Amino acid sequence: MILLCLAYDNSALEFVPLDTSPLDPLGSVESANLSGRISLAWMTSGSNDLLTTDGKLFSVTFRVKPGAPLDQMPLTLSGVVTDLFSAELPAEWVNGAVDVLPYRLGDVNNNGRINIFRYTI
């Protein structure tokens, strides 16, 4: 089982529901969005409770709220990984950040200029 907590600045960022892509098709991901904290739990429900491959369990997406400062918004990750018998397994958690950058509508290559000839559908 994997239990995670992701803390973020909810005055600047809005949590978007999870995009789950479980490695184990019988696994399940549950999430709860508390004020500035996302709690996630993933566990397998298959007959083979060993997961022996690499891959993505889920993606977390945020929307930047109007008026958010142009800054780096830290994401702080903590959690626990356990085996079938609830014994804790070693895990390394890496924090991240969301960079809030200025955006000009129509600036498709982010160079500060709008040029209709660069826009394709």
PDB file of N, CA and C in Angstrom:
ATOM      1  N   MET A   1       0.849  -1.169   0.000  1.00  0.00           N
ATOM      2  CA  MET A   1       0.000   0.000   0.000  1.00  0.00           C
ATOM      3  C   MET A   1       0.898   1.235   0.000  1.00  0.00           C
ATOM      4  N   ILE A   2       0.427   2.264  -0.672  1.00  0.00           N
ATOM      5  CA  ILE A   2       1.135   3.539  -0.688  1.00  0.00           C
ATOM      6  C   ILE A   2       0.183   4.600  -0.145  1.00  0.00           C
ATOM      7  N   LEU A   3       0.615   5.303   0.882  1.00  0.00           N
ATOM      8  CA  LEU A   3      -0.144   6.418   1.443  1.00  0.00           C
ATOM      9  C   LEU A   3       0.683   7.679   1.235  1.00  0.00           C
ATOM     10  N   LEU A   4       0.106   8.686   0.603  1.00  0.00           N
ATOM     11  CA  LEU A   4       0.826   9.917   0.303  1.00  0.00           C
ATOM     12  C   LEU A   4       0.055  11.121   0.809  1.00  0.00           C
ATOM     13  N   CYS A   5       0.806  12.174   1.108  1.00  0.00           N
ATOM     14  CA  CYS A   5       0.220  13.469   1.425  1.00  0.00           C
ATOM     15  C   CYS A   5       1.005  14.507   0.624  1.00  0.00           C
ATOM     16  N   LEU A   6       0.296  15.311  -0.165  1.00  0.00           N
ATOM     17  CA  LEU A   6       0.914  16.361  -0.962  1.00  0.00           C
ATOM     18  C   LEU A   6       0.366  17.694  -0.488  1.00  0.00           C
ATOM     19  N   ALA A   7       1.241  18.531   0.073  1.00  0.00           N
ATOM     20  CA  ALA A   7       0.843  19.849   0.570  1.00  0.00           C
ATOM     21  C   ALA A   7       1.172  20.903  -0.481  1.00  0.00           C
ATOM     22  N   TYR A   8       0.259  21.870  -0.662  1.00  0.00           N
ATOM     23  CA  TYR A   8       0.440  22.927  -1.666  1.00  0.00           C
ATOM     24  C   TYR A   8      -0.240  24.200  -1.180  1.00  0.00           C
ATOM     25  N   ASP A   9       0.022  25.311  -1.861  1.00  0.00           N
ATOM     26  CA  ASP A   9      -0.564  26.605  -1.503  1.00  0.00           C
ATOM     27  C   ASP A   9      -1.930  26.721  -2.172  1.00  0.00           C
ATOM     28  N   ASN A  10      -2.998  26.499  -1.405  1.00  0.00           N
ATOM     29  CA  ASN A  10      -4.328  26.524  -2.007  1.00  0.00           C
ATOM     30  C   ASN A  10      -4.857  27.940  -2.236  1.00  0.00           C
ATOM     31  N   SER A  11      -4.113  28.956  -1.843  1.00  0.00           N
ATOM     32  CA  SER A  11      -4.522  30.324  -2.189  1.00  0.00           C
ATOM     33  C   SER A  11      -4.120  30.650  -3.625  1.00  0.00           C
ATOM     34  N   ALA A  12      -3.141  29.902  -4.178  1.00  0.00           N
ATOM     35  CA  ALA A  12      -2.665  30.151  -5.542  1.00  0.00           C
ATOM     36  C   ALA A  12      -2.989  29.015  -6.505  1.00  0.00           C
ATOM     37  N   LEU A  13      -3.157  27.794  -5.975  1.00  0.00           N
ATOM     38  CA  LEU A  13      -3.355  26.620  -6.825  1.00  0.00           C
ATOM     39  C   LEU A  13      -4.671  25.934  -6.494  1.00  0.00           C
ATOM     40  N   GLU A  14      -5.323  25.401  -7.540  1.00  0.00           N
ATOM     41  CA  GLU A  14      -6.557  24.648  -7.380  1.00  0.00           C
ATOM     42  C   GLU A  14      -6.305  23.214  -7.852  1.00  0.00           C
ATOM     43  N   PHE A  15      -6.599  22.246  -6.994  1.00  0.00           N
ATOM     44  CA  PHE A  15      -6.415  20.837  -7.310  1.00  0.00           C
ATOM     45  C   PHE A  15      -7.446  20.388  -8.332  1.00  0.00           C
ATOM     46  N   VAL A  16      -6.988  19.663  -9.366  1.00  0.00           N
ATOM     47  CA  VAL A  16      -7.858  19.073 -10.384  1.00  0.00           C
ATOM     48  C   VAL A  16      -7.941  17.586 -10.075  1.00  0.00           C
ATOM     49  N   PRO A  17      -9.108  16.952 -10.200  1.00  0.00           N
ATOM     50  CA  PRO A  17      -9.206  15.521  -9.883  1.00  0.00           C
ATOM     51  C   PRO A  17      -8.129  14.686 -10.572  1.00  0.00           C
ATOM     52  N   LEU A  18      -7.737  13.608  -9.904  1.00  0.00           N
ATOM     53  CA  LEU A  18      -6.638  12.764 -10.365  1.00  0.00           C
ATOM     54  C   LEU A  18      -6.909  12.106 -11.697  1.00  0.00           C
ATOM     55  N   ASP A  19      -5.830  11.991 -12.483  1.00  0.00           N
ATOM     56  CA  ASP A  19      -5.821  11.163 -13.687  1.00  0.00           C
ATOM     57  C   ASP A  19      -5.135   9.869 -13.275  1.00  0.00           C
ATOM     58  N   THR A  20      -5.912   8.826 -13.059  1.00  0.00           N
ATOM     59  CA  THR A  20      -5.321   7.578 -12.588  1.00  0.00           C
ATOM     60  C   THR A  20      -4.943   6.685 -13.763  1.00  0.00           C
ATOM     61  N   SER A  21      -3.781   6.109 -13.664  1.00  0.00           N
ATOM     62  CA  SER A  21      -3.280   5.147 -14.645  1.00  0.00           C
ATOM     63  C   SER A  21      -2.586   4.038 -13.886  1.00  0.00           C
ATOM     64  N   PRO A  22      -3.353   3.235 -13.163  1.00  0.00           N
ATOM     65  CA  PRO A  22      -2.705   2.249 -12.299  1.00  0.00           C
ATOM     66  C   PRO A  22      -1.917   1.212 -13.078  1.00  0.00           C
ATOM     67  N   LEU A  23      -0.785   0.827 -12.521  1.00  0.00           N
ATOM     68  CA  LEU A  23       0.025  -0.243 -13.098  1.00  0.00           C
ATOM     69  C   LEU A  23      -0.698  -1.568 -12.997  1.00  0.00           C
ATOM     70  N   ASP A  24      -1.387  -1.756 -11.903  1.00  0.00           N
ATOM     71  CA  ASP A  24      -2.140  -2.978 -11.656  1.00  0.00           C
ATOM     72  C   ASP A  24      -3.604  -2.685 -11.989  1.00  0.00           C
ATOM     73  N   PRO A  25      -4.171  -3.310 -13.031  1.00  0.00           N
ATOM     74  CA  PRO A  25      -5.541  -2.981 -13.408  1.00  0.00           C
ATOM     75  C   PRO A  25      -6.557  -3.257 -12.308  1.00  0.00           C
ATOM     76  N   LEU A  26      -6.186  -4.046 -11.319  1.00  0.00           N
ATOM     77  CA  LEU A  26      -7.087  -4.311 -10.203  1.00  0.00           C
ATOM     78  C   LEU A  26      -6.821  -3.383  -9.021  1.00  0.00           C
ATOM     79  N   GLY A  27      -5.798  -2.532  -9.138  1.00  0.00           N
ATOM     80  CA  GLY A  27      -5.486  -1.600  -8.058  1.00  0.00           C
ATOM     81  C   GLY A  27      -6.476  -0.456  -8.030  1.00  0.00           C
ATOM     82  N   SER A  28      -6.450   0.295  -6.954  1.00  0.00           N
ATOM     83  CA  SER A  28      -7.348   1.441  -6.866  1.00  0.00           C
ATOM     84  C   SER A  28      -6.628   2.601  -6.200  1.00  0.00           C
ATOM     85  N   VAL A  29      -7.014   3.803  -6.600  1.00  0.00           N
ATOM     86  CA  VAL A  29      -6.463   5.029  -6.039  1.00  0.00           C
ATOM     87  C   VAL A  29      -7.622   5.808  -5.446  1.00  0.00           C
ATOM     88  N   GLU A  30      -7.463   6.226  -4.214  1.00  0.00           N
ATOM     89  CA  GLU A  30      -8.460   7.069  -3.556  1.00  0.00           C
ATOM     90  C   GLU A  30      -7.778   8.380  -3.212  1.00  0.00           C
ATOM     91  N   SER A  31      -8.486   9.490  -3.356  1.00  0.00           N
ATOM     92  CA  SER A  31      -7.892  10.775  -3.007  1.00  0.00           C
ATOM     93  C   SER A  31      -8.911  11.616  -2.251  1.00  0.00           C
ATOM     94  N   ALA A  32      -8.401  12.490  -1.409  1.00  0.00           N
ATOM     95  CA  ALA A  32      -9.229  13.443  -0.679  1.00  0.00           C
ATOM     96  C   ALA A  32      -8.494  14.770  -0.695  1.00  0.00           C
ATOM     97  N   ASN A  33      -9.182  15.825  -1.072  1.00  0.00           N
ATOM     98  CA  ASN A  33      -8.569  17.145  -1.141  1.00  0.00           C
ATOM     99  C   ASN A  33      -9.023  17.959   0.064  1.00  0.00           C
ATOM    100  N   LEU A  34      -8.121  18.128   0.991  1.00  0.00           N
ATOM    101  CA  LEU A  34      -8.386  18.982   2.138  1.00  0.00           C
ATOM    102  C   LEU A  34      -7.785  20.342   1.827  1.00  0.00           C
ATOM    103  N   SER A  35      -7.992  21.295   2.627  1.00  0.00           N
ATOM    104  CA  SER A  35      -7.506  22.644   2.376  1.00  0.00           C
ATOM    105  C   SER A  35      -5.981  22.685   2.302  1.00  0.00           C
ATOM    106  N   GLY A  36      -5.448  22.695   1.079  1.00  0.00           N
ATOM    107  CA  GLY A  36      -4.011  22.762   0.882  1.00  0.00           C
ATOM    108  C   GLY A  36      -3.273  21.451   1.051  1.00  0.00           C
ATOM    109  N   ARG A  37      -4.010  20.337   1.168  1.00  0.00           N
ATOM    110  CA  ARG A  37      -3.384  19.015   1.311  1.00  0.00           C
ATOM    111  C   ARG A  37      -4.197  17.997   0.521  1.00  0.00           C
ATOM    112  N   ILE A  38      -3.503  17.177  -0.236  1.00  0.00           N
ATOM    113  CA  ILE A  38      -4.147  16.084  -0.958  1.00  0.00           C
ATOM    114  C   ILE A  38      -3.663  14.798  -0.310  1.00  0.00           C
ATOM    115  N   SER A  39      -4.598  13.969   0.107  1.00  0.00           N
ATOM    116  CA  SER A  39      -4.262  12.662   0.658  1.00  0.00           C
ATOM    117  C   SER A  39      -4.566  11.614  -0.400  1.00  0.00           C
ATOM    118  N   LEU A  40      -3.603  10.734  -0.661  1.00  0.00           N
ATOM    119  CA  LEU A  40      -3.749   9.699  -1.684  1.00  0.00           C
ATOM    120  C   LEU A  40      -3.443   8.339  -1.082  1.00  0.00           C
ATOM    121  N   ALA A  41      -4.198   7.353  -1.490  1.00  0.00           N
ATOM    122  CA  ALA A  41      -3.932   5.975  -1.074  1.00  0.00           C
ATOM    123  C   ALA A  41      -4.034   5.094  -2.302  1.00  0.00           C
ATOM    124  N   TRP A  42      -3.063   4.224  -2.498  1.00  0.00           N
ATOM    125  CA  TRP A  42      -3.106   3.250  -3.597  1.00  0.00           C
ATOM    126  C   TRP A  42      -2.864   1.875  -3.018  1.00  0.00           C
ATOM    127  N   MET A  43      -3.703   0.949  -3.406  1.00  0.00           N
ATOM    128  CA  MET A  43      -3.504  -0.424  -2.953  1.00  0.00           C
ATOM    129  C   MET A  43      -3.962  -1.366  -4.054  1.00  0.00           C
ATOM    130  N   THR A  44      -3.355  -2.524  -4.099  1.00  0.00           N
ATOM    131  CA  THR A  44      -3.754  -3.525  -5.077  1.00  0.00           C
ATOM    132  C   THR A  44      -4.866  -4.380  -4.500  1.00  0.00           C
ATOM    133  N   SER A  45      -5.759  -4.802  -5.363  1.00  0.00           N
ATOM    134  CA  SER A  45      -6.832  -5.677  -4.904  1.00  0.00           C
ATOM    135  C   SER A  45      -6.812  -6.997  -5.667  1.00  0.00           C
ATOM    136  N   GLY A  46      -5.720  -7.246  -6.373  1.00  0.00           N
ATOM    137  CA  GLY A  46      -5.610  -8.473  -7.152  1.00  0.00           C
ATOM    138  C   GLY A  46      -5.144  -9.647  -6.319  1.00  0.00           C
ATOM    139  N   SER A  47      -5.202 -10.825  -6.908  1.00  0.00           N
ATOM    140  CA  SER A  47      -4.766 -12.027  -6.190  1.00  0.00           C
ATOM    141  C   SER A  47      -3.249 -12.039  -6.025  1.00  0.00           C
ATOM    142  N   ASN A  48      -2.533 -11.383  -6.939  1.00  0.00           N
ATOM    143  CA  ASN A  48      -1.083 -11.266  -6.814  1.00  0.00           C
ATOM    144  C   ASN A  48      -0.783  -9.887  -6.253  1.00  0.00           C
ATOM    145  N   ASP A  49      -0.514  -9.807  -4.977  1.00  0.00           N
ATOM    146  CA  ASP A  49      -0.335  -8.520  -4.325  1.00  0.00           C
ATOM    147  C   ASP A  49       1.060  -7.938  -4.493  1.00  0.00           C
ATOM    148  N   LEU A  50       1.898  -8.569  -5.296  1.00  0.00           N
ATOM    149  CA  LEU A  50       3.228  -8.036  -5.544  1.00  0.00           C
ATOM    150  C   LEU A  50       3.233  -7.248  -6.835  1.00  0.00           C
ATOM    151  N   LEU A  51       3.715  -6.037  -6.773  1.00  0.00           N
ATOM    152  CA  LEU A  51       3.843  -5.194  -7.954  1.00  0.00           C
ATOM    153  C   LEU A  51       5.318  -5.150  -8.290  1.00  0.00           C
ATOM    154  N   THR A  52       5.695  -5.654  -9.449  1.00  0.00           N
ATOM    155  CA  THR A  52       7.116  -5.803  -9.773  1.00  0.00           C
ATOM    156  C   THR A  52       7.479  -5.095 -11.069  1.00  0.00           C
ATOM    157  N   THR A  53       6.860  -3.973 -11.357  1.00  0.00           N
ATOM    158  CA  THR A  53       7.171  -3.236 -12.572  1.00  0.00           C
ATOM    159  C   THR A  53       7.227  -1.748 -12.269  1.00  0.00           C
ATOM    160  N   ASP A  54       7.793  -0.984 -13.180  1.00  0.00           N
ATOM    161  CA  ASP A  54       7.858   0.467 -13.043  1.00  0.00           C
ATOM    162  C   ASP A  54       6.731   1.091 -13.849  1.00  0.00           C
ATOM    163  N   GLY A  55       6.341   2.288 -13.480  1.00  0.00           N
ATOM    164  CA  GLY A  55       5.333   3.005 -14.247  1.00  0.00           C
ATOM    165  C   GLY A  55       4.641   4.060 -13.409  1.00  0.00           C
ATOM    166  N   LYS A  56       3.658   4.710 -14.029  1.00  0.00           N
ATOM    167  CA  LYS A  56       2.937   5.806 -13.399  1.00  0.00           C
ATOM    168  C   LYS A  56       1.714   5.270 -12.669  1.00  0.00           C
ATOM    169  N   LEU A  57       1.538   5.670 -11.426  1.00  0.00           N
ATOM    170  CA  LEU A  57       0.338   5.312 -10.671  1.00  0.00           C
ATOM    171  C   LEU A  57      -0.774   6.330 -10.931  1.00  0.00           C
ATOM    172  N   PHE A  58      -0.420   7.620 -10.980  1.00  0.00           N
ATOM    173  CA  PHE A  58      -1.394   8.677 -11.219  1.00  0.00           C
ATOM    174  C   PHE A  58      -0.657   9.976 -11.503  1.00  0.00           C
ATOM    175  N   SER A  59      -1.382  10.943 -12.052  1.00  0.00           N
ATOM    176  CA  SER A  59      -0.851  12.287 -12.293  1.00  0.00           C
ATOM    177  C   SER A  59      -1.662  13.273 -11.466  1.00  0.00           C
ATOM    178  N   VAL A  60      -0.989  14.260 -10.931  1.00  0.00           N
ATOM    179  CA  VAL A  60      -1.645  15.313 -10.173  1.00  0.00           C
ATOM    180  C   VAL A  60      -1.548  16.594 -10.983  1.00  0.00           C
ATOM    181  N   THR A  61      -2.685  17.277 -11.150  1.00  0.00           N
ATOM    182  CA  THR A  61      -2.728  18.508 -11.943  1.00  0.00           C
ATOM    183  C   THR A  61      -3.305  19.627 -11.091  1.00  0.00           C
ATOM    184  N   PHE A  62      -2.776  20.830 -11.276  1.00  0.00           N
ATOM    185  CA  PHE A  62      -3.280  22.015 -10.598  1.00  0.00           C
ATOM    186  C   PHE A  62      -3.639  23.069 -11.636  1.00  0.00           C
ATOM    187  N   ARG A  63      -4.641  23.883 -11.324  1.00  0.00           N
ATOM    188  CA  ARG A  63      -4.940  25.093 -12.088  1.00  0.00           C
ATOM    189  C   ARG A  63      -4.410  26.258 -11.262  1.00  0.00           C
ATOM    190  N   VAL A  64      -3.853  27.241 -11.944  1.00  0.00           N
ATOM    191  CA  VAL A  64      -3.392  28.447 -11.257  1.00  0.00           C
ATOM    192  C   VAL A  64      -4.600  29.363 -11.093  1.00  0.00           C
ATOM    193  N   LYS A  65      -4.838  29.811  -9.876  1.00  0.00           N
ATOM    194  CA  LYS A  65      -5.985  30.679  -9.586  1.00  0.00           C
ATOM    195  C   LYS A  65      -5.703  32.090 -10.087  1.00  0.00           C
ATOM    196  N   PRO A  66      -6.758  32.795 -10.532  1.00  0.00           N
ATOM    197  CA  PRO A  66      -6.577  34.198 -10.944  1.00  0.00           C
ATOM    198  C   PRO A  66      -5.980  35.009  -9.797  1.00  0.00           C
ATOM    199  N   GLY A  67      -5.050  35.864 -10.130  1.00  0.00           N
ATOM    200  CA  GLY A  67      -4.414  36.706  -9.119  1.00  0.00           C
ATOM    201  C   GLY A  67      -3.284  36.041  -8.364  1.00  0.00           C
ATOM    202  N   ALA A  68      -2.946  34.796  -8.721  1.00  0.00           N
ATOM    203  CA  ALA A  68      -1.833  34.110  -8.044  1.00  0.00           C
ATOM    204  C   ALA A  68      -0.534  34.863  -8.341  1.00  0.00           C
ATOM    205  N   PRO A  69       0.356  34.975  -7.367  1.00  0.00           N
ATOM    206  CA  PRO A  69       1.620  35.669  -7.623  1.00  0.00           C
ATOM    207  C   PRO A  69       2.494  34.896  -8.609  1.00  0.00           C
ATOM    208  N   LEU A  70       3.263  35.628  -9.397  1.00  0.00           N
ATOM    209  CA  LEU A  70       4.213  35.005 -10.316  1.00  0.00           C
ATOM    210  C   LEU A  70       5.400  34.553  -9.479  1.00  0.00           C
ATOM    211  N   ASP A  71       5.400  33.284  -9.147  1.00  0.00           N
ATOM    212  CA  ASP A  71       6.390  32.764  -8.215  1.00  0.00           C
ATOM    213  C   ASP A  71       6.449  31.246  -8.347  1.00  0.00           C
ATOM    214  N   GLN A  72       7.330  30.642  -7.600  1.00  0.00           N
ATOM    215  CA  GLN A  72       7.414  29.189  -7.544  1.00  0.00           C
ATOM    216  C   GLN A  72       6.631  28.716  -6.321  1.00  0.00           C
ATOM    217  N   MET A  73       5.604  27.899  -6.553  1.00  0.00           N
ATOM    218  CA  MET A  73       4.753  27.392  -5.479  1.00  0.00           C
ATOM    219  C   MET A  73       5.243  26.001  -5.087  1.00  0.00           C
ATOM    220  N   PRO A  74       5.750  25.836  -3.857  1.00  0.00           N
ATOM    221  CA  PRO A  74       6.305  24.540  -3.453  1.00  0.00           C
ATOM    222  C   PRO A  74       5.229  23.457  -3.292  1.00  0.00           C
ATOM    223  N   LEU A  75       5.604  22.236  -3.621  1.00  0.00           N
ATOM    224  CA  LEU A  75       4.798  21.042  -3.383  1.00  0.00           C
ATOM    225  C   LEU A  75       5.605  20.155  -2.451  1.00  0.00           C
ATOM    226  N   THR A  76       5.047  19.814  -1.302  1.00  0.00           N
ATOM    227  CA  THR A  76       5.760  19.028  -0.305  1.00  0.00           C
ATOM    228  C   THR A  76       5.107  17.651  -0.207  1.00  0.00           C
ATOM    229  N   LEU A  77       5.905  16.612  -0.448  1.00  0.00           N
ATOM    230  CA  LEU A  77       5.406  15.240  -0.490  1.00  0.00           C
ATOM    231  C   LEU A  77       5.922  14.448   0.699  1.00  0.00           C
ATOM    232  N   SER A  78       5.026  13.690   1.321  1.00  0.00           N
ATOM    233  CA  SER A  78       5.415  12.775   2.393  1.00  0.00           C
ATOM    234  C   SER A  78       4.560  11.527   2.234  1.00  0.00           C
ATOM    235  N   GLY A  79       4.989  10.435   2.849  1.00  0.00           N
ATOM    236  CA  GLY A  79       4.189   9.233   2.712  1.00  0.00           C
ATOM    237  C   GLY A  79       4.805   8.003   3.334  1.00  0.00           C
ATOM    238  N   VAL A  80       4.113   6.887   3.123  1.00  0.00           N
ATOM    239  CA  VAL A  80       4.524   5.589   3.652  1.00  0.00           C
ATOM    240  C   VAL A  80       4.222   4.538   2.599  1.00  0.00           C
ATOM    241  N   VAL A  81       5.154   3.586   2.425  1.00  0.00           N
ATOM    242  CA  VAL A  81       4.938   2.422   1.572  1.00  0.00           C
ATOM    243  C   VAL A  81       5.047   1.192   2.460  1.00  0.00           C
ATOM    244  N   THR A  82       4.061   0.290   2.362  1.00  0.00           N
ATOM    245  CA  THR A  82       4.090  -0.918   3.195  1.00  0.00           C
ATOM    246  C   THR A  82       3.929  -2.159   2.325  1.00  0.00           C
ATOM    247  N   ASP A  83       4.340  -3.288   2.873  1.00  0.00           N
ATOM    248  CA  ASP A  83       4.156  -4.566   2.186  1.00  0.00           C
ATOM    249  C   ASP A  83       2.824  -5.183   2.604  1.00  0.00           C
ATOM    250  N   LEU A  84       2.601  -6.434   2.214  1.00  0.00           N
ATOM    251  CA  LEU A  84       1.344  -7.126   2.520  1.00  0.00           C
ATOM    252  C   LEU A  84       1.066  -7.250   4.009  1.00  0.00           C
ATOM    253  N   PHE A  85       2.125  -7.237   4.812  1.00  0.00           N
ATOM    254  CA  PHE A  85       1.992  -7.432   6.247  1.00  0.00           C
ATOM    255  C   PHE A  85       2.097  -6.119   7.021  1.00  0.00           C
ATOM    256  N   SER A  86       1.941  -5.001   6.302  1.00  0.00           N
ATOM    257  CA  SER A  86       1.996  -3.645   6.869  1.00  0.00           C
ATOM    258  C   SER A  86       3.361  -3.261   7.409  1.00  0.00           C
ATOM    259  N   ALA A  87       4.402  -3.970   6.982  1.00  0.00           N
ATOM    260  CA  ALA A  87       5.760  -3.575   7.359  1.00  0.00           C
ATOM    261  C   ALA A  87       6.187  -2.443   6.427  1.00  0.00           C
ATOM    262  N   GLU A  88       6.732  -1.391   7.005  1.00  0.00           N
ATOM    263  CA  GLU A  88       7.130  -0.235   6.211  1.00  0.00           C
ATOM    264  C   GLU A  88       8.333  -0.568   5.332  1.00  0.00           C
ATOM    265  N   LEU A  89       8.274  -0.135   4.083  1.00  0.00           N
ATOM    266  CA  LEU A  89       9.360  -0.333   3.115  1.00  0.00           C
ATOM    267  C   LEU A  89      10.083   0.982   2.897  1.00  0.00           C
ATOM    268  N   PRO A  90      11.368   0.930   2.561  1.00  0.00           N
ATOM    269  CA  PRO A  90      12.099   2.176   2.328  1.00  0.00           C
ATOM    270  C   PRO A  90      11.555   2.901   1.091  1.00  0.00           C
ATOM    271  N   ALA A  91      11.439   4.203   1.189  1.00  0.00           N
ATOM    272  CA  ALA A  91      10.976   5.025   0.072  1.00  0.00           C
ATOM    273  C   ALA A  91      11.627   6.391   0.175  1.00  0.00           C
ATOM    274  N   GLU A  92      11.858   7.002  -0.965  1.00  0.00           N
ATOM    275  CA  GLU A  92      12.428   8.352  -0.998  1.00  0.00           C
ATOM    276  C   GLU A  92      11.388   9.286  -1.606  1.00  0.00           C
ATOM    277  N   TRP A  93      11.081  10.368  -0.904  1.00  0.00           N
ATOM    278  CA  TRP A  93      10.091  11.328  -1.370  1.00  0.00           C
ATOM    279  C   TRP A  93      10.818  12.565  -1.869  1.00  0.00           C
ATOM    280  N   VAL A  94      10.442  13.045  -3.033  1.00  0.00           N
ATOM    281  CA  VAL A  94      11.091  14.206  -3.642  1.00  0.00           C
ATOM    282  C   VAL A  94      10.056  15.313  -3.770  1.00  0.00           C
ATOM    283  N   ASN A  95      10.334  16.452  -3.164  1.00  0.00           N
ATOM    284  CA  ASN A  95       9.443  17.604  -3.259  1.00  0.00           C
ATOM    285  C   ASN A  95       9.552  18.222  -4.636  1.00  0.00           C
ATOM    286  N   GLY A  96       8.585  19.034  -4.998  1.00  0.00           N
ATOM    287  CA  GLY A  96       8.586  19.690  -6.298  1.00  0.00           C
ATOM    288  C   GLY A  96       8.027  21.090  -6.172  1.00  0.00           C
ATOM    289  N   ALA A  97       7.656  21.659  -7.307  1.00  0.00           N
ATOM    290  CA  ALA A  97       7.115  23.018  -7.321  1.00  0.00           C
ATOM    291  C   ALA A  97       6.324  23.230  -8.606  1.00  0.00           C
ATOM    292  N   VAL A  98       5.426  24.194  -8.547  1.00  0.00           N
ATOM    293  CA  VAL A  98       4.702  24.675  -9.718  1.00  0.00           C
ATOM    294  C   VAL A  98       5.197  26.085  -9.963  1.00  0.00           C
ATOM    295  N   ASP A  99       5.721  26.336 -11.162  1.00  0.00           N
ATOM    296  CA  ASP A  99       6.171  27.682 -11.530  1.00  0.00           C
ATOM    297  C   ASP A  99       4.999  28.442 -12.128  1.00  0.00           C
ATOM    298  N   VAL A 100       4.611  29.545 -11.492  1.00  0.00           N
ATOM    299  CA  VAL A 100       3.549  30.401 -12.021  1.00  0.00           C
ATOM    300  C   VAL A 100       4.237  31.480 -12.845  1.00  0.00           C
ATOM    301  N   LEU A 101       3.992  31.435 -14.160  1.00  0.00           N
ATOM    302  CA  LEU A 101       4.651  32.325 -15.106  1.00  0.00           C
ATOM    303  C   LEU A 101       3.629  33.204 -15.807  1.00  0.00           C
ATOM    304  N   PRO A 102       4.050  34.379 -16.292  1.00  0.00           N
ATOM    305  CA  PRO A 102       3.104  35.214 -17.038  1.00  0.00           C
ATOM    306  C   PRO A 102       2.752  34.540 -18.362  1.00  0.00           C
ATOM    307  N   TYR A 103       1.520  34.758 -18.809  1.00  0.00           N
ATOM    308  CA  TYR A 103       1.077  34.163 -20.064  1.00  0.00           C
ATOM    309  C   TYR A 103       0.289  35.197 -20.844  1.00  0.00           C
ATOM    310  N   ARG A 104       0.616  35.342 -22.102  1.00  0.00           N
ATOM    311  CA  ARG A 104      -0.132  36.212 -23.002  1.00  0.00           C
ATOM    312  C   ARG A 104      -0.945  35.338 -23.927  1.00  0.00           C
ATOM    313  N   LEU A 105      -2.243  35.531 -23.937  1.00  0.00           N
ATOM    314  CA  LEU A 105      -3.119  34.777 -24.807  1.00  0.00           C
ATOM    315  C   LEU A 105      -2.669  34.947 -26.262  1.00  0.00           C
ATOM    316  N   GLY A 106      -2.398  33.855 -26.937  1.00  0.00           N
ATOM    317  CA  GLY A 106      -1.946  33.892 -28.328  1.00  0.00           C
ATOM    318  C   GLY A 106      -0.448  33.766 -28.483  1.00  0.00           C
ATOM    319  N   ASP A 107       0.301  33.855 -27.381  1.00  0.00           N
ATOM    320  CA  ASP A 107       1.766  33.700 -27.436  1.00  0.00           C
ATOM    321  C   ASP A 107       2.086  32.215 -27.413  1.00  0.00           C
ATOM    322  N   VAL A 108       2.023  31.578 -28.590  1.00  0.00           N
ATOM    323  CA  VAL A 108       2.113  30.115 -28.655  1.00  0.00           C
ATOM    324  C   VAL A 108       3.515  29.575 -28.393  1.00  0.00           C
ATOM    325  N   ASN A 109       4.563  30.369 -28.576  1.00  0.00           N
ATOM    326  CA  ASN A 109       5.915  29.869 -28.316  1.00  0.00           C
ATOM    327  C   ASN A 109       6.585  30.588 -27.143  1.00  0.00           C
ATOM    328  N   ASN A 110       5.790  31.350 -26.375  1.00  0.00           N
ATOM    329  CA  ASN A 110       6.248  31.979 -25.130  1.00  0.00           C
ATOM    330  C   ASN A 110       7.438  32.918 -25.323  1.00  0.00           C
ATOM    331  N   ASN A 111       7.433  33.669 -26.435  1.00  0.00           N
ATOM    332  CA  ASN A 111       8.514  34.629 -26.654  1.00  0.00           C
ATOM    333  C   ASN A 111       8.059  36.063 -26.419  1.00  0.00           C
ATOM    334  N   GLY A 112       6.816  36.247 -25.933  1.00  0.00           N
ATOM    335  CA  GLY A 112       6.316  37.589 -25.642  1.00  0.00           C
ATOM    336  C   GLY A 112       5.658  38.278 -26.825  1.00  0.00           C
ATOM    337  N   ARG A 113       5.644  37.639 -27.992  1.00  0.00           N
ATOM    338  CA  ARG A 113       5.042  38.238 -29.188  1.00  0.00           C
ATOM    339  C   ARG A 113       3.917  37.341 -29.699  1.00  0.00           C
ATOM    340  N   ILE A 114       2.922  37.980 -30.282  1.00  0.00           N
ATOM    341  CA  ILE A 114       1.809  37.245 -30.877  1.00  0.00           C
ATOM    342  C   ILE A 114       1.934  37.363 -32.385  1.00  0.00           C
ATOM    343  N   ASN A 115       1.977  36.227 -33.071  1.00  0.00           N
ATOM    344  CA  ASN A 115       2.133  36.203 -34.517  1.00  0.00           C
ATOM    345  C   ASN A 115       1.191  35.142 -35.074  1.00  0.00           C
ATOM    346  N   ILE A 116       0.220  35.557 -35.870  1.00  0.00           N
ATOM    347  CA  ILE A 116      -0.784  34.643 -36.390  1.00  0.00           C
ATOM    348  C   ILE A 116      -0.168  33.547 -37.259  1.00  0.00           C
ATOM    349  N   PHE A 117       0.989  33.793 -37.850  1.00  0.00           N
ATOM    350  CA  PHE A 117       1.613  32.807 -38.730  1.00  0.00           C
ATOM    351  C   PHE A 117       2.223  31.630 -37.967  1.00  0.00           C
ATOM    352  N   ARG A 118       2.414  31.756 -36.655  1.00  0.00           N
ATOM    353  CA  ARG A 118       2.935  30.665 -35.856  1.00  0.00           C
ATOM    354  C   ARG A 118       1.834  29.776 -35.293  1.00  0.00           C
ATOM    355  N   TYR A 119       0.613  30.208 -35.420  1.00  0.00           N
ATOM    356  CA  TYR A 119      -0.513  29.481 -34.834  1.00  0.00           C
ATOM    357  C   TYR A 119      -1.043  28.455 -35.823  1.00  0.00           C
ATOM    358  N   THR A 120      -1.132  27.205 -35.400  1.00  0.00           N
ATOM    359  CA  THR A 120      -1.722  26.163 -36.255  1.00  0.00           C
ATOM    360  C   THR A 120      -2.754  25.414 -35.448  1.00  0.00           C
ATOM    361  N   ILE A 121      -3.709  24.859 -36.131  1.00  0.00           N
ATOM    362  CA  ILE A 121      -4.762  24.087 -35.456  1.00  0.00           C
ATOM    363  C   ILE A 121      -4.533  22.613 -35.741  1.00  0.00           C
TER     364      ILE A 121
END
